[in-house]
Amino acid sequence: MAVSVAPISQPDVGETDRARRFTSDEYLRMAETGILDEGGRTELIDGHILEMAPQNVPHRAAVGKTSKAFQNALVDSNHWVQTQSTLPLDCRNVPEPDVAVLEGTPDDLLDGEPDEIPIIVEVADTSLEKDRTTKLRCYATNGIPEYWIVNLRNETVEVYREPAEGEYRRRETMTRGEAVRSLFDDSVSFAVDALLPQHPSAEDE
C-alpha cells in the first residue's frame, strides 16, 4: 500500500486538492504495520500525513535543553515530560510535538491518553511557519491551554494562551535576558537563555 506524504513546505492542503484524509486510527495502524517507515518521521495533521524535516544541531540542542528544564521543574509534580513522540489528540490529529507535558506518569498511557495536557512546546527553525499556523490551529482546536514556540530564528520564546475557535487570543514574545513562566505550575519558570542553544565558548565570556 502506497501512502502519499505531503512535504513539510506545503502543510496546508487546498480545497481543490483531493488528497486522501486519514483518521488517527488509520494513521496509527499504518505506523504499527510499518507502512510509514520508508517515509521517515511523519505526523498526522488535520487528516493529512506530513513529512517532518530532519533536525539540525541547534534544533536538537534546544529540544534537549527545553526537555531537561521541564523535567527538572516537574520532578515532584503529577506530570511528566514527553519528548518528540506521538500524541493522539483527536480523530484527525496525531502530531509529534518536540515537548509535551502530560498528566500522570508514563505508565498511565497503557490505560489511555491523558485527560490533561497543560502545555506543548515546539522548537522552530525551518518549521517556524508551520508551527505558527498548522500546528497552532491543531493545538488551539484541541484546547491545549498553553503553547510555546522556541523560535531559533529570532532567539525568542513565543507564548500562546487562551485557545478559542482554532486560534489563541493572547500572544507574548519573550527575548534573551527575560524569563518565561507557565500558567499551570508556578515552578515552571525559565530564563529564555536556558531554552535556547548557546555555544560553549559564549558561556565563558
N, C-alpha and C. Protein backbone atom coordinates (compact mmCIF):
# COMPACT_ATOMS: atom_id res chain seq x y z
N MET A 1 0.84 -1.20 0.00
CA MET A 1 0.00 0.00 0.00
C MET A 1 0.87 1.24 0.00
N ALA A 2 0.69 2.10 -0.98
CA ALA A 2 1.48 3.33 -1.06
C ALA A 2 0.75 4.44 -0.34
N VAL A 3 1.48 5.24 0.41
CA VAL A 3 0.91 6.34 1.16
C VAL A 3 1.52 7.63 0.68
N SER A 4 0.69 8.59 0.29
CA SER A 4 1.18 9.89 -0.16
C SER A 4 1.49 10.75 1.05
N VAL A 5 2.73 11.23 1.15
CA VAL A 5 3.15 12.05 2.27
C VAL A 5 3.38 13.46 1.79
N ALA A 6 2.70 14.42 2.39
CA ALA A 6 2.84 15.81 1.98
C ALA A 6 4.16 16.36 2.47
N PRO A 7 4.90 17.11 1.65
CA PRO A 7 6.17 17.70 2.10
C PRO A 7 5.93 18.75 3.16
N ILE A 8 6.92 18.98 4.00
CA ILE A 8 6.76 19.90 5.12
C ILE A 8 6.58 21.33 4.64
N SER A 9 7.04 21.65 3.42
CA SER A 9 6.92 23.01 2.90
C SER A 9 5.50 23.33 2.46
N GLN A 10 4.62 22.30 2.40
CA GLN A 10 3.25 22.50 1.99
C GLN A 10 2.30 21.85 3.00
N PRO A 11 2.21 22.41 4.23
CA PRO A 11 1.42 21.76 5.27
C PRO A 11 -0.07 21.83 5.07
N ASP A 12 -0.56 22.84 4.30
CA ASP A 12 -1.99 23.00 4.12
C ASP A 12 -2.43 22.48 2.77
N VAL A 13 -3.46 21.68 2.76
CA VAL A 13 -3.98 21.12 1.53
C VAL A 13 -5.16 21.95 1.07
N GLY A 14 -5.13 22.45 -0.17
CA GLY A 14 -6.17 23.33 -0.68
C GLY A 14 -7.45 22.59 -0.96
N GLU A 15 -8.52 23.38 -1.19
CA GLU A 15 -9.83 22.78 -1.41
C GLU A 15 -9.87 21.97 -2.71
N THR A 16 -9.03 22.33 -3.69
CA THR A 16 -9.06 21.62 -4.96
C THR A 16 -8.19 20.36 -4.93
N ASP A 17 -7.44 20.20 -3.88
CA ASP A 17 -6.57 19.03 -3.76
C ASP A 17 -7.38 17.88 -3.18
N ARG A 18 -7.40 16.77 -3.88
CA ARG A 18 -8.22 15.63 -3.45
C ARG A 18 -7.40 14.58 -2.71
N ALA A 19 -6.38 15.03 -2.01
CA ALA A 19 -5.55 14.10 -1.25
C ALA A 19 -6.41 13.38 -0.21
N ARG A 20 -6.11 12.14 0.01
CA ARG A 20 -6.84 11.30 0.95
C ARG A 20 -6.61 11.79 2.37
N ARG A 21 -7.68 11.98 3.13
CA ARG A 21 -7.56 12.32 4.54
C ARG A 21 -7.72 11.04 5.36
N PHE A 22 -6.87 10.92 6.37
CA PHE A 22 -6.85 9.72 7.20
C PHE A 22 -7.37 10.05 8.59
N THR A 23 -7.89 9.02 9.25
CA THR A 23 -8.25 9.15 10.66
C THR A 23 -7.02 8.80 11.50
N SER A 24 -7.09 9.16 12.76
CA SER A 24 -5.98 8.83 13.65
C SER A 24 -5.81 7.32 13.79
N ASP A 25 -6.91 6.57 13.82
CA ASP A 25 -6.82 5.12 13.93
C ASP A 25 -6.13 4.53 12.70
N GLU A 26 -6.48 5.02 11.51
CA GLU A 26 -5.84 4.54 10.30
C GLU A 26 -4.35 4.87 10.30
N TYR A 27 -4.04 6.07 10.71
CA TYR A 27 -2.64 6.50 10.74
C TYR A 27 -1.82 5.65 11.71
N LEU A 28 -2.35 5.42 12.89
CA LEU A 28 -1.62 4.63 13.88
C LEU A 28 -1.47 3.17 13.43
N ARG A 29 -2.46 2.65 12.74
CA ARG A 29 -2.34 1.28 12.21
C ARG A 29 -1.25 1.21 11.14
N MET A 30 -1.17 2.22 10.30
CA MET A 30 -0.11 2.26 9.29
C MET A 30 1.27 2.32 9.93
N ALA A 31 1.37 3.09 11.01
CA ALA A 31 2.65 3.17 11.71
C ALA A 31 3.01 1.83 12.35
N GLU A 32 2.02 1.16 12.95
CA GLU A 32 2.26 -0.12 13.61
C GLU A 32 2.67 -1.21 12.63
N THR A 33 2.13 -1.17 11.42
CA THR A 33 2.42 -2.20 10.44
C THR A 33 3.64 -1.88 9.58
N GLY A 34 4.27 -0.72 9.80
CA GLY A 34 5.49 -0.38 9.09
C GLY A 34 5.28 0.28 7.74
N ILE A 35 4.06 0.63 7.40
CA ILE A 35 3.79 1.24 6.10
C ILE A 35 4.47 2.60 5.98
N LEU A 36 4.62 3.31 7.09
CA LEU A 36 5.18 4.65 7.04
C LEU A 36 6.68 4.69 7.23
N ASP A 37 7.31 3.56 7.49
CA ASP A 37 8.73 3.56 7.81
C ASP A 37 9.60 4.18 6.73
N GLU A 38 9.31 3.87 5.47
CA GLU A 38 10.15 4.35 4.40
C GLU A 38 10.07 5.86 4.22
N GLY A 39 9.03 6.48 4.70
CA GLY A 39 8.87 7.92 4.54
C GLY A 39 9.54 8.73 5.63
N GLY A 40 10.22 8.10 6.59
CA GLY A 40 10.85 8.82 7.68
C GLY A 40 9.82 9.29 8.71
N ARG A 41 10.20 10.30 9.49
CA ARG A 41 9.31 10.80 10.55
C ARG A 41 8.14 11.55 9.94
N THR A 42 6.95 11.20 10.40
CA THR A 42 5.73 11.85 9.92
C THR A 42 4.83 12.17 11.09
N GLU A 43 3.79 12.98 10.81
CA GLU A 43 2.75 13.23 11.78
C GLU A 43 1.45 13.47 11.02
N LEU A 44 0.34 13.26 11.70
CA LEU A 44 -0.98 13.44 11.10
C LEU A 44 -1.56 14.76 11.59
N ILE A 45 -1.80 15.69 10.65
CA ILE A 45 -2.37 16.99 10.99
C ILE A 45 -3.59 17.23 10.11
N ASP A 46 -4.74 17.40 10.71
CA ASP A 46 -6.00 17.62 10.00
C ASP A 46 -6.25 16.52 8.97
N GLY A 47 -5.88 15.31 9.30
CA GLY A 47 -6.12 14.17 8.42
C GLY A 47 -5.08 13.96 7.35
N HIS A 48 -4.07 14.84 7.26
CA HIS A 48 -3.05 14.74 6.23
C HIS A 48 -1.73 14.27 6.85
N ILE A 49 -1.07 13.35 6.19
CA ILE A 49 0.21 12.83 6.67
C ILE A 49 1.31 13.76 6.17
N LEU A 50 2.00 14.41 7.10
CA LEU A 50 3.04 15.38 6.77
C LEU A 50 4.41 14.82 7.13
N GLU A 51 5.33 15.00 6.23
CA GLU A 51 6.71 14.60 6.48
C GLU A 51 7.39 15.65 7.35
N MET A 52 8.15 15.21 8.34
CA MET A 52 8.85 16.12 9.24
C MET A 52 10.28 16.30 8.76
N ALA A 53 10.75 17.53 8.79
CA ALA A 53 12.10 17.85 8.31
C ALA A 53 13.15 17.26 9.24
N PRO A 54 14.32 16.89 8.69
CA PRO A 54 15.43 16.43 9.54
C PRO A 54 15.83 17.53 10.52
N GLN A 55 16.30 17.14 11.68
CA GLN A 55 16.67 18.11 12.71
C GLN A 55 18.13 18.49 12.57
N ASN A 56 18.39 19.81 12.61
CA ASN A 56 19.79 20.25 12.64
C ASN A 56 20.27 20.29 14.09
N VAL A 57 21.55 20.60 14.28
CA VAL A 57 22.14 20.55 15.62
C VAL A 57 21.52 21.58 16.56
N PRO A 58 21.33 22.85 16.14
CA PRO A 58 20.69 23.80 17.07
C PRO A 58 19.30 23.35 17.52
N HIS A 59 18.55 22.74 16.60
CA HIS A 59 17.22 22.25 16.96
C HIS A 59 17.32 21.15 18.01
N ARG A 60 18.22 20.21 17.79
CA ARG A 60 18.40 19.13 18.76
C ARG A 60 18.82 19.67 20.12
N ALA A 61 19.72 20.66 20.12
CA ALA A 61 20.19 21.23 21.37
C ALA A 61 19.05 21.92 22.12
N ALA A 62 18.22 22.67 21.39
CA ALA A 62 17.12 23.38 22.04
C ALA A 62 16.08 22.41 22.58
N VAL A 63 15.80 21.34 21.85
CA VAL A 63 14.86 20.33 22.35
C VAL A 63 15.41 19.70 23.62
N GLY A 64 16.70 19.38 23.62
CA GLY A 64 17.31 18.78 24.80
C GLY A 64 17.27 19.71 26.01
N LYS A 65 17.59 20.99 25.79
CA LYS A 65 17.58 21.94 26.90
C LYS A 65 16.17 22.19 27.43
N THR A 66 15.21 22.31 26.53
CA THR A 66 13.83 22.55 26.94
C THR A 66 13.27 21.36 27.70
N SER A 67 13.50 20.17 27.17
CA SER A 67 13.02 18.96 27.84
C SER A 67 13.63 18.81 29.22
N LYS A 68 14.93 19.05 29.32
CA LYS A 68 15.61 18.93 30.61
C LYS A 68 15.09 19.96 31.61
N ALA A 69 14.84 21.18 31.14
CA ALA A 69 14.34 22.23 32.02
C ALA A 69 12.98 21.85 32.61
N PHE A 70 12.09 21.33 31.77
CA PHE A 70 10.78 20.91 32.26
C PHE A 70 10.90 19.71 33.20
N GLN A 71 11.74 18.76 32.86
CA GLN A 71 11.91 17.58 33.72
C GLN A 71 12.39 17.99 35.10
N ASN A 72 13.34 18.90 35.17
CA ASN A 72 13.85 19.35 36.47
C ASN A 72 12.78 20.10 37.25
N ALA A 73 11.97 20.89 36.57
CA ALA A 73 10.96 21.69 37.25
C ALA A 73 9.81 20.83 37.77
N LEU A 74 9.54 19.71 37.10
CA LEU A 74 8.35 18.91 37.41
C LEU A 74 8.68 17.62 38.17
N VAL A 75 9.87 17.55 38.74
CA VAL A 75 10.30 16.31 39.38
C VAL A 75 9.35 15.88 40.51
N ASP A 76 8.74 16.81 41.21
CA ASP A 76 7.82 16.48 42.31
C ASP A 76 6.36 16.70 41.92
N SER A 77 6.08 16.79 40.63
CA SER A 77 4.74 17.08 40.16
C SER A 77 4.05 15.82 39.66
N ASN A 78 2.73 15.88 39.56
CA ASN A 78 1.97 14.78 38.98
C ASN A 78 1.89 14.94 37.46
N HIS A 79 3.01 15.27 36.86
CA HIS A 79 3.11 15.41 35.41
C HIS A 79 4.45 14.86 34.96
N TRP A 80 4.53 14.53 33.70
CA TRP A 80 5.79 14.06 33.14
C TRP A 80 5.98 14.67 31.76
N VAL A 81 7.21 14.57 31.25
CA VAL A 81 7.58 15.25 30.01
C VAL A 81 7.79 14.22 28.90
N GLN A 82 7.02 14.35 27.83
CA GLN A 82 7.17 13.51 26.65
C GLN A 82 7.92 14.31 25.59
N THR A 83 8.93 13.69 24.99
CA THR A 83 9.77 14.38 24.02
C THR A 83 9.69 13.71 22.66
N GLN A 84 9.29 14.48 21.64
CA GLN A 84 9.29 14.06 20.24
C GLN A 84 8.67 12.67 20.06
N SER A 85 7.46 12.54 20.56
CA SER A 85 6.73 11.28 20.46
C SER A 85 5.30 11.53 20.01
N THR A 86 4.67 10.46 19.54
CA THR A 86 3.30 10.51 19.07
C THR A 86 2.35 11.00 20.16
N LEU A 87 1.43 11.90 19.78
CA LEU A 87 0.47 12.43 20.74
C LEU A 87 -0.91 12.50 20.08
N PRO A 88 -1.69 11.42 20.15
CA PRO A 88 -3.04 11.45 19.56
C PRO A 88 -3.92 12.47 20.28
N LEU A 89 -4.47 13.41 19.50
CA LEU A 89 -5.31 14.45 20.08
C LEU A 89 -6.79 14.29 19.74
N ASP A 90 -7.08 13.92 18.50
CA ASP A 90 -8.47 13.70 18.09
C ASP A 90 -8.47 12.78 16.88
N CYS A 91 -9.61 12.65 16.22
CA CYS A 91 -9.73 11.66 15.15
C CYS A 91 -8.97 12.04 13.88
N ARG A 92 -8.43 13.26 13.80
CA ARG A 92 -7.70 13.68 12.61
C ARG A 92 -6.31 14.21 12.90
N ASN A 93 -5.90 14.22 14.15
CA ASN A 93 -4.63 14.84 14.51
C ASN A 93 -3.79 13.95 15.43
N VAL A 94 -2.61 13.59 14.93
CA VAL A 94 -1.63 12.86 15.73
C VAL A 94 -0.28 13.52 15.51
N PRO A 95 -0.05 14.67 16.16
CA PRO A 95 1.24 15.34 15.99
C PRO A 95 2.34 14.66 16.80
N GLU A 96 3.57 15.10 16.57
CA GLU A 96 4.71 14.67 17.37
C GLU A 96 5.42 15.92 17.88
N PRO A 97 4.86 16.58 18.89
CA PRO A 97 5.47 17.81 19.38
C PRO A 97 6.85 17.55 19.98
N ASP A 98 7.69 18.58 19.94
CA ASP A 98 9.04 18.44 20.48
C ASP A 98 8.99 18.16 21.98
N VAL A 99 8.14 18.87 22.69
CA VAL A 99 7.99 18.67 24.14
C VAL A 99 6.52 18.80 24.50
N ALA A 100 6.00 17.86 25.27
CA ALA A 100 4.63 17.94 25.77
C ALA A 100 4.62 17.51 27.23
N VAL A 101 3.95 18.29 28.06
CA VAL A 101 3.79 17.94 29.47
C VAL A 101 2.45 17.24 29.62
N LEU A 102 2.48 16.02 30.14
CA LEU A 102 1.28 15.20 30.26
C LEU A 102 0.98 14.91 31.73
N GLU A 103 -0.30 14.75 32.03
CA GLU A 103 -0.73 14.44 33.38
C GLU A 103 -0.39 12.99 33.73
N GLY A 104 -0.07 12.75 35.01
CA GLY A 104 0.16 11.39 35.48
C GLY A 104 1.58 10.92 35.26
N THR A 105 1.72 9.64 34.92
CA THR A 105 3.03 9.02 34.69
C THR A 105 3.03 8.34 33.34
N PRO A 106 4.22 8.00 32.81
CA PRO A 106 4.26 7.28 31.52
C PRO A 106 3.46 5.99 31.52
N ASP A 107 3.42 5.28 32.62
CA ASP A 107 2.67 4.02 32.68
C ASP A 107 1.17 4.23 32.46
N ASP A 108 0.68 5.43 32.76
CA ASP A 108 -0.74 5.71 32.57
C ASP A 108 -1.17 5.62 31.12
N LEU A 109 -0.21 5.74 30.20
CA LEU A 109 -0.55 5.64 28.78
C LEU A 109 -1.11 4.27 28.42
N LEU A 110 -0.78 3.26 29.21
CA LEU A 110 -1.28 1.91 28.94
C LEU A 110 -2.80 1.83 29.14
N ASP A 111 -3.34 2.79 29.90
CA ASP A 111 -4.79 2.83 30.13
C ASP A 111 -5.50 3.85 29.24
N GLY A 112 -4.73 4.58 28.43
CA GLY A 112 -5.35 5.57 27.55
C GLY A 112 -4.60 6.89 27.58
N GLU A 113 -4.98 7.78 26.68
CA GLU A 113 -4.33 9.09 26.60
C GLU A 113 -4.70 9.94 27.81
N PRO A 114 -3.82 10.86 28.22
CA PRO A 114 -4.08 11.67 29.41
C PRO A 114 -5.24 12.63 29.20
N ASP A 115 -5.94 12.93 30.29
CA ASP A 115 -7.04 13.89 30.24
C ASP A 115 -6.51 15.32 30.17
N GLU A 116 -5.32 15.52 30.68
CA GLU A 116 -4.78 16.88 30.77
C GLU A 116 -3.44 16.99 30.04
N ILE A 117 -3.33 17.97 29.16
CA ILE A 117 -2.06 18.32 28.51
C ILE A 117 -1.90 19.82 28.71
N PRO A 118 -1.27 20.23 29.80
CA PRO A 118 -1.24 21.65 30.14
C PRO A 118 -0.41 22.52 29.21
N ILE A 119 0.60 21.94 28.56
CA ILE A 119 1.45 22.77 27.72
C ILE A 119 2.15 21.91 26.66
N ILE A 120 2.31 22.48 25.47
CA ILE A 120 3.07 21.87 24.40
C ILE A 120 4.09 22.88 23.91
N VAL A 121 5.29 22.41 23.60
CA VAL A 121 6.36 23.28 23.12
C VAL A 121 6.90 22.72 21.81
N GLU A 122 7.02 23.59 20.81
CA GLU A 122 7.69 23.25 19.57
C GLU A 122 8.96 24.10 19.44
N VAL A 123 10.03 23.48 18.97
CA VAL A 123 11.25 24.22 18.64
C VAL A 123 11.22 24.47 17.14
N ALA A 124 11.39 25.72 16.75
CA ALA A 124 11.17 26.08 15.34
C ALA A 124 12.37 26.79 14.74
N ASP A 125 12.79 26.28 13.60
CA ASP A 125 13.72 27.00 12.73
C ASP A 125 13.14 26.93 11.32
N THR A 126 13.40 25.85 10.58
CA THR A 126 12.78 25.70 9.27
C THR A 126 11.28 25.46 9.37
N SER A 127 10.80 25.02 10.51
CA SER A 127 9.37 24.71 10.68
C SER A 127 8.57 25.86 11.26
N LEU A 128 9.15 27.07 11.33
CA LEU A 128 8.50 28.17 12.03
C LEU A 128 7.13 28.50 11.46
N GLU A 129 7.00 28.60 10.15
CA GLU A 129 5.71 28.93 9.55
C GLU A 129 4.66 27.88 9.88
N LYS A 130 5.05 26.62 9.76
CA LYS A 130 4.13 25.52 10.08
C LYS A 130 3.73 25.56 11.55
N ASP A 131 4.68 25.82 12.45
CA ASP A 131 4.38 25.83 13.87
C ASP A 131 3.47 26.99 14.26
N ARG A 132 3.55 28.10 13.51
CA ARG A 132 2.71 29.27 13.80
C ARG A 132 1.32 29.18 13.19
N THR A 133 1.11 28.25 12.27
CA THR A 133 -0.17 28.18 11.58
C THR A 133 -0.81 26.81 11.78
N THR A 134 -0.35 25.82 11.03
CA THR A 134 -0.97 24.49 11.05
C THR A 134 -0.94 23.87 12.44
N LYS A 135 0.23 23.87 13.07
CA LYS A 135 0.33 23.26 14.39
C LYS A 135 -0.42 24.08 15.44
N LEU A 136 -0.33 25.40 15.32
CA LEU A 136 -1.05 26.26 16.27
C LEU A 136 -2.54 25.98 16.22
N ARG A 137 -3.12 25.90 15.01
CA ARG A 137 -4.55 25.61 14.90
C ARG A 137 -4.89 24.26 15.49
N CYS A 138 -4.03 23.28 15.25
CA CYS A 138 -4.25 21.94 15.79
C CYS A 138 -4.32 21.98 17.32
N TYR A 139 -3.38 22.65 17.96
CA TYR A 139 -3.34 22.68 19.41
C TYR A 139 -4.46 23.54 20.00
N ALA A 140 -4.74 24.67 19.35
CA ALA A 140 -5.83 25.52 19.85
C ALA A 140 -7.17 24.82 19.72
N THR A 141 -7.40 24.16 18.60
CA THR A 141 -8.67 23.46 18.38
C THR A 141 -8.88 22.37 19.43
N ASN A 142 -7.79 21.76 19.88
CA ASN A 142 -7.89 20.70 20.88
C ASN A 142 -7.80 21.23 22.31
N GLY A 143 -7.85 22.55 22.46
CA GLY A 143 -7.94 23.14 23.79
C GLY A 143 -6.67 23.08 24.61
N ILE A 144 -5.51 22.96 23.96
CA ILE A 144 -4.26 23.00 24.72
C ILE A 144 -4.12 24.40 25.30
N PRO A 145 -4.13 24.55 26.62
CA PRO A 145 -4.22 25.89 27.22
C PRO A 145 -3.02 26.78 26.97
N GLU A 146 -1.87 26.15 26.73
CA GLU A 146 -0.66 26.95 26.56
C GLU A 146 0.25 26.28 25.53
N TYR A 147 0.76 27.09 24.61
CA TYR A 147 1.60 26.61 23.52
C TYR A 147 2.79 27.55 23.38
N TRP A 148 4.00 26.99 23.47
CA TRP A 148 5.21 27.79 23.32
C TRP A 148 5.92 27.40 22.02
N ILE A 149 6.50 28.39 21.37
CA ILE A 149 7.41 28.14 20.26
C ILE A 149 8.77 28.69 20.64
N VAL A 150 9.75 27.81 20.75
CA VAL A 150 11.13 28.25 20.95
C VAL A 150 11.66 28.59 19.56
N ASN A 151 11.71 29.88 19.27
CA ASN A 151 12.00 30.39 17.94
C ASN A 151 13.50 30.58 17.78
N LEU A 152 14.14 29.66 17.07
CA LEU A 152 15.59 29.71 16.91
C LEU A 152 16.01 30.81 15.94
N ARG A 153 15.13 31.19 15.04
CA ARG A 153 15.48 32.24 14.08
C ARG A 153 15.67 33.58 14.77
N ASN A 154 14.74 33.92 15.65
CA ASN A 154 14.76 35.22 16.33
C ASN A 154 15.29 35.17 17.75
N GLU A 155 15.65 33.96 18.21
CA GLU A 155 16.15 33.74 19.57
C GLU A 155 15.14 34.28 20.60
N THR A 156 13.91 33.83 20.44
CA THR A 156 12.83 34.23 21.34
C THR A 156 12.01 33.01 21.73
N VAL A 157 11.11 33.20 22.69
CA VAL A 157 10.10 32.20 23.02
C VAL A 157 8.74 32.86 22.85
N GLU A 158 7.93 32.33 21.94
CA GLU A 158 6.59 32.83 21.71
C GLU A 158 5.62 32.04 22.58
N VAL A 159 4.81 32.74 23.34
CA VAL A 159 3.88 32.12 24.28
C VAL A 159 2.45 32.41 23.83
N TYR A 160 1.69 31.35 23.57
CA TYR A 160 0.31 31.48 23.13
C TYR A 160 -0.61 30.90 24.20
N ARG A 161 -1.67 31.68 24.53
CA ARG A 161 -2.61 31.26 25.58
C ARG A 161 -4.04 31.62 25.19
N GLU A 162 -4.98 31.06 25.93
CA GLU A 162 -6.42 31.29 25.75
C GLU A 162 -6.90 30.80 24.38
N PRO A 163 -6.92 29.48 24.17
CA PRO A 163 -7.40 28.94 22.89
C PRO A 163 -8.89 29.18 22.71
N ALA A 164 -9.27 29.53 21.49
CA ALA A 164 -10.69 29.73 21.17
C ALA A 164 -10.86 29.71 19.65
N GLU A 165 -11.74 28.85 19.18
CA GLU A 165 -12.09 28.78 17.77
C GLU A 165 -10.87 28.60 16.86
N GLY A 166 -10.00 27.71 17.27
CA GLY A 166 -8.85 27.36 16.44
C GLY A 166 -7.72 28.36 16.46
N GLU A 167 -7.75 29.32 17.37
CA GLU A 167 -6.69 30.30 17.49
C GLU A 167 -6.39 30.52 18.97
N TYR A 168 -5.32 31.28 19.25
CA TYR A 168 -5.02 31.70 20.61
C TYR A 168 -5.24 33.20 20.73
N ARG A 169 -5.96 33.62 21.75
CA ARG A 169 -6.31 35.03 21.89
C ARG A 169 -5.17 35.87 22.43
N ARG A 170 -4.22 35.25 23.12
CA ARG A 170 -3.11 36.01 23.69
C ARG A 170 -1.79 35.47 23.17
N ARG A 171 -0.89 36.41 22.86
CA ARG A 171 0.46 36.03 22.44
C ARG A 171 1.45 36.99 23.09
N GLU A 172 2.51 36.42 23.65
CA GLU A 172 3.62 37.19 24.19
C GLU A 172 4.90 36.65 23.59
N THR A 173 5.87 37.52 23.40
CA THR A 173 7.17 37.11 22.89
C THR A 173 8.23 37.53 23.89
N MET A 174 8.96 36.54 24.40
CA MET A 174 10.00 36.79 25.39
C MET A 174 11.36 36.65 24.71
N THR A 175 12.29 37.53 25.08
CA THR A 175 13.61 37.56 24.44
C THR A 175 14.69 37.15 25.44
N ARG A 176 15.90 36.99 24.91
CA ARG A 176 17.04 36.68 25.78
C ARG A 176 17.14 37.73 26.89
N GLY A 177 17.47 37.27 28.08
CA GLY A 177 17.54 38.16 29.23
C GLY A 177 16.23 38.23 30.01
N GLU A 178 15.14 37.69 29.42
CA GLU A 178 13.85 37.67 30.10
C GLU A 178 13.53 36.24 30.55
N ALA A 179 12.47 36.11 31.33
CA ALA A 179 12.03 34.80 31.80
C ALA A 179 10.65 34.50 31.25
N VAL A 180 10.37 33.22 31.09
CA VAL A 180 9.07 32.78 30.63
C VAL A 180 8.48 31.85 31.68
N ARG A 181 7.24 32.09 32.05
CA ARG A 181 6.59 31.34 33.12
C ARG A 181 5.32 30.69 32.60
N SER A 182 5.10 29.43 32.98
CA SER A 182 3.88 28.74 32.59
C SER A 182 2.75 29.04 33.56
N LEU A 183 1.54 28.95 33.07
CA LEU A 183 0.37 29.21 33.89
C LEU A 183 0.01 28.05 34.80
N PHE A 184 0.30 26.81 34.37
CA PHE A 184 -0.25 25.67 35.09
C PHE A 184 0.52 25.31 36.35
N ASP A 185 1.77 25.79 36.49
CA ASP A 185 2.59 25.43 37.65
C ASP A 185 3.58 26.57 37.90
N ASP A 186 3.54 27.15 39.09
CA ASP A 186 4.42 28.27 39.41
C ASP A 186 5.89 27.90 39.35
N SER A 187 6.20 26.61 39.50
CA SER A 187 7.61 26.20 39.48
C SER A 187 8.18 26.17 38.07
N VAL A 188 7.31 26.23 37.07
CA VAL A 188 7.77 26.17 35.69
C VAL A 188 8.04 27.59 35.20
N SER A 189 9.24 28.06 35.50
CA SER A 189 9.68 29.38 35.09
C SER A 189 11.14 29.27 34.67
N PHE A 190 11.43 29.69 33.44
CA PHE A 190 12.78 29.52 32.90
C PHE A 190 13.27 30.82 32.28
N ALA A 191 14.56 31.03 32.36
CA ALA A 191 15.18 32.08 31.56
C ALA A 191 15.11 31.66 30.10
N VAL A 192 14.81 32.61 29.23
CA VAL A 192 14.77 32.29 27.81
C VAL A 192 16.11 31.71 27.36
N ASP A 193 17.19 32.23 27.89
CA ASP A 193 18.53 31.73 27.53
C ASP A 193 18.70 30.26 27.89
N ALA A 194 17.96 29.79 28.89
CA ALA A 194 18.09 28.39 29.31
C ALA A 194 17.46 27.43 28.30
N LEU A 195 16.61 27.95 27.40
CA LEU A 195 15.95 27.10 26.42
C LEU A 195 16.59 27.18 25.04
N LEU A 196 17.36 28.24 24.81
CA LEU A 196 17.98 28.44 23.50
C LEU A 196 19.40 27.88 23.48
N PRO A 197 19.85 27.37 22.34
CA PRO A 197 21.22 26.86 22.25
C PRO A 197 22.22 27.99 22.38
N GLN A 198 23.34 27.68 22.99
CA GLN A 198 24.39 28.66 23.19
C GLN A 198 25.73 27.97 23.04
N HIS A 199 26.60 28.53 22.23
CA HIS A 199 27.91 27.90 22.01
C HIS A 199 28.68 27.92 23.32
N PRO A 200 29.33 26.81 23.70
CA PRO A 200 30.05 26.75 24.98
C PRO A 200 31.03 27.90 25.19
N SER A 201 31.67 28.38 24.13
CA SER A 201 32.64 29.46 24.28
C SER A 201 31.98 30.75 24.74
N ALA A 202 30.69 30.93 24.38
CA ALA A 202 29.98 32.15 24.76
C ALA A 202 29.72 32.20 26.25
N GLU A 203 29.63 31.03 26.90
CA GLU A 203 29.34 30.99 28.34
C GLU A 203 30.52 31.48 29.16
N ASP A 204 31.72 31.45 28.58
CA ASP A 204 32.92 31.87 29.31
C ASP A 204 33.20 33.35 29.17
N GLU A 205 32.46 34.04 28.29
CA GLU A 205 32.74 35.46 28.06
C GLU A 205 32.18 36.30 29.20
